[in-house]
Amino acid sequence: MSAARPRKLLADIAWAHSGDKGDMVNIGVAVRNPADYPFLLEAVTAQRVAAHFADICHGQVRRYELPRLHAINFVLTQVLDGGPMRSLRLDPQGKALGDALLLMPLDNDFIEATERKRI
């Protein structure tokens, strides 16, 4: 009987920073190792980010690639329930959404294939 492999998270390869303006959130995600940037581009799409935040994001998710920084920037609209001045949420700001994105699970098989290519 084989033990289940631990699931890797986006936090295992990247860090994030986020901020808000009105009802929009900006999340920047950068890999720690530049060799992981192609994997980041393939694994963290606007569609996956939208699905990850489907319960709170009611607008668009746009992705902007920043190759010289080995990063991606995401802009999520209609995500803060009207923004800090209108929302009745306990924490209506987007500061924590970068950390929430880092909890996105990654495909272990794809990660292992990427790691083998680096060797």
Protein backbone atom coordinates (compact mmCIF):
# COMPACT_ATOMS: atom_id res chain seq x y z
CA MET A 1 0.00 0.00 0.00
CA SER A 2 1.58 3.27 -1.06
CA ALA A 3 1.24 6.43 0.93
CA ALA A 4 -0.36 9.38 -0.79
CA ARG A 5 2.11 11.98 -1.97
CA PRO A 6 1.80 15.31 -0.21
CA ARG A 7 0.14 17.87 -2.43
CA LYS A 8 2.33 20.75 -3.49
CA LEU A 9 0.99 24.27 -3.29
CA LEU A 10 1.83 27.40 -5.23
CA ALA A 11 3.54 28.60 -2.02
CA ASP A 12 6.15 25.86 -2.51
CA ILE A 13 7.57 27.64 -5.56
CA ALA A 14 6.43 31.26 -5.34
CA TRP A 15 5.64 34.24 -3.16
CA ALA A 16 2.85 36.78 -3.63
CA HIS A 17 1.88 40.32 -2.76
CA SER A 18 -1.56 41.83 -3.12
CA GLY A 19 -3.38 45.08 -2.75
CA ASP A 20 -6.80 46.54 -3.42
CA LYS A 21 -8.40 49.57 -4.97
CA GLY A 22 -12.16 49.86 -4.71
CA ASP A 23 -13.71 46.55 -5.74
CA MET A 24 -10.56 45.28 -7.48
CA VAL A 25 -7.57 43.28 -6.24
CA ASN A 26 -4.12 43.13 -7.75
CA ILE A 27 -2.07 39.97 -6.96
CA GLY A 28 1.54 39.65 -8.02
CA VAL A 29 3.06 36.16 -7.98
CA ALA A 30 6.81 35.62 -8.45
CA VAL A 31 8.76 32.37 -8.47
CA ARG A 32 11.66 31.94 -6.09
CA ASN A 33 13.71 30.06 -8.71
CA PRO A 34 13.72 31.55 -12.24
CA ALA A 35 13.79 27.99 -13.64
CA ASP A 36 10.21 27.59 -12.34
CA TYR A 37 8.86 30.51 -14.39
CA PRO A 38 7.77 28.39 -17.40
CA PHE A 39 5.89 26.12 -14.98
CA LEU A 40 4.24 29.16 -13.35
CA LEU A 41 3.06 30.38 -16.76
CA GLU A 42 1.55 27.00 -17.60
CA ALA A 43 0.09 26.11 -14.20
CA VAL A 44 -1.32 29.43 -12.97
CA THR A 45 -3.73 30.64 -15.61
CA ALA A 46 -6.42 33.30 -15.32
CA GLN A 47 -8.99 30.50 -15.50
CA ARG A 48 -7.42 28.61 -12.57
CA VAL A 49 -7.22 31.80 -10.50
CA ALA A 50 -10.87 32.56 -11.30
CA ALA A 51 -11.83 29.03 -10.22
CA HIS A 52 -9.75 29.35 -7.05
CA PHE A 53 -11.65 32.52 -6.08
CA ALA A 54 -15.01 31.51 -7.62
CA ASP A 55 -16.88 31.99 -4.36
CA ILE A 56 -15.87 35.67 -4.04
CA CYS A 57 -14.81 36.89 -7.49
CA HIS A 58 -17.82 37.87 -9.59
CA GLY A 59 -15.94 39.76 -12.30
CA GLN A 60 -13.02 39.17 -14.62
CA VAL A 61 -9.56 37.83 -13.87
CA ARG A 62 -6.88 39.28 -16.14
CA ARG A 63 -3.31 37.98 -16.26
CA TYR A 64 -0.24 40.01 -17.15
CA GLU A 65 3.10 38.26 -17.67
CA LEU A 66 6.25 39.90 -16.35
CA PRO A 67 9.09 37.75 -17.76
CA ARG A 68 11.98 39.94 -16.62
CA LEU A 69 10.70 39.65 -13.05
CA HIS A 70 9.79 35.94 -13.40
CA ALA A 71 6.32 36.94 -12.24
CA ILE A 72 2.67 37.20 -13.17
CA ASN A 73 0.26 39.91 -12.12
CA PHE A 74 -3.45 39.18 -11.79
CA VAL A 75 -6.22 41.77 -11.61
CA LEU A 76 -9.52 40.51 -10.18
CA THR A 77 -12.63 42.66 -10.53
CA GLN A 78 -15.83 42.61 -8.49
CA VAL A 79 -14.06 40.71 -5.73
CA LEU A 80 -14.43 42.84 -2.59
CA ASP A 81 -18.22 43.06 -2.34
CA GLY A 82 -18.17 46.71 -3.38
CA GLY A 83 -14.88 47.62 -1.68
CA PRO A 84 -13.88 48.69 1.83
CA MET A 85 -16.32 51.61 2.04
CA ARG A 86 -19.37 49.55 0.95
CA SER A 87 -18.75 45.99 2.06
CA LEU A 88 -20.20 44.41 5.19
CA ARG A 89 -17.47 41.75 5.19
CA LEU A 90 -15.31 41.50 8.29
CA ASP A 91 -12.19 42.14 6.18
CA PRO A 92 -13.24 43.81 2.93
CA GLN A 93 -9.69 44.48 1.75
CA GLY A 94 -7.64 42.39 -0.63
CA LYS A 95 -4.41 42.26 1.35
CA ALA A 96 -4.87 38.59 2.29
CA LEU A 97 -5.81 37.35 -1.17
CA GLY A 98 -2.16 36.93 -2.20
CA ASP A 99 -1.71 34.46 0.64
CA ALA A 100 -5.00 32.78 -0.31
CA LEU A 101 -3.74 32.31 -3.89
CA LEU A 102 -0.57 30.66 -2.59
CA LEU A 103 -2.80 27.89 -1.22
CA MET A 104 -3.71 26.88 -4.79
CA PRO A 105 -2.80 23.20 -5.26
CA LEU A 106 -0.41 22.31 -8.06
CA ASP A 107 -0.35 19.16 -10.16
CA ASN A 108 2.33 16.92 -8.58
CA ASP A 109 2.95 14.95 -11.80
CA PHE A 110 3.65 18.14 -13.71
CA ILE A 111 5.94 19.42 -10.94
CA GLU A 112 7.94 16.18 -10.96
CA ALA A 113 8.33 16.34 -14.75
CA THR A 114 9.51 19.95 -14.47
CA GLU A 115 12.02 19.03 -11.76
CA ARG A 116 13.39 16.17 -13.92
CA LYS A 117 13.95 18.62 -16.80
CA ARG A 118 16.09 20.81 -14.52
CA ILE A 119 18.49 17.98 -13.63
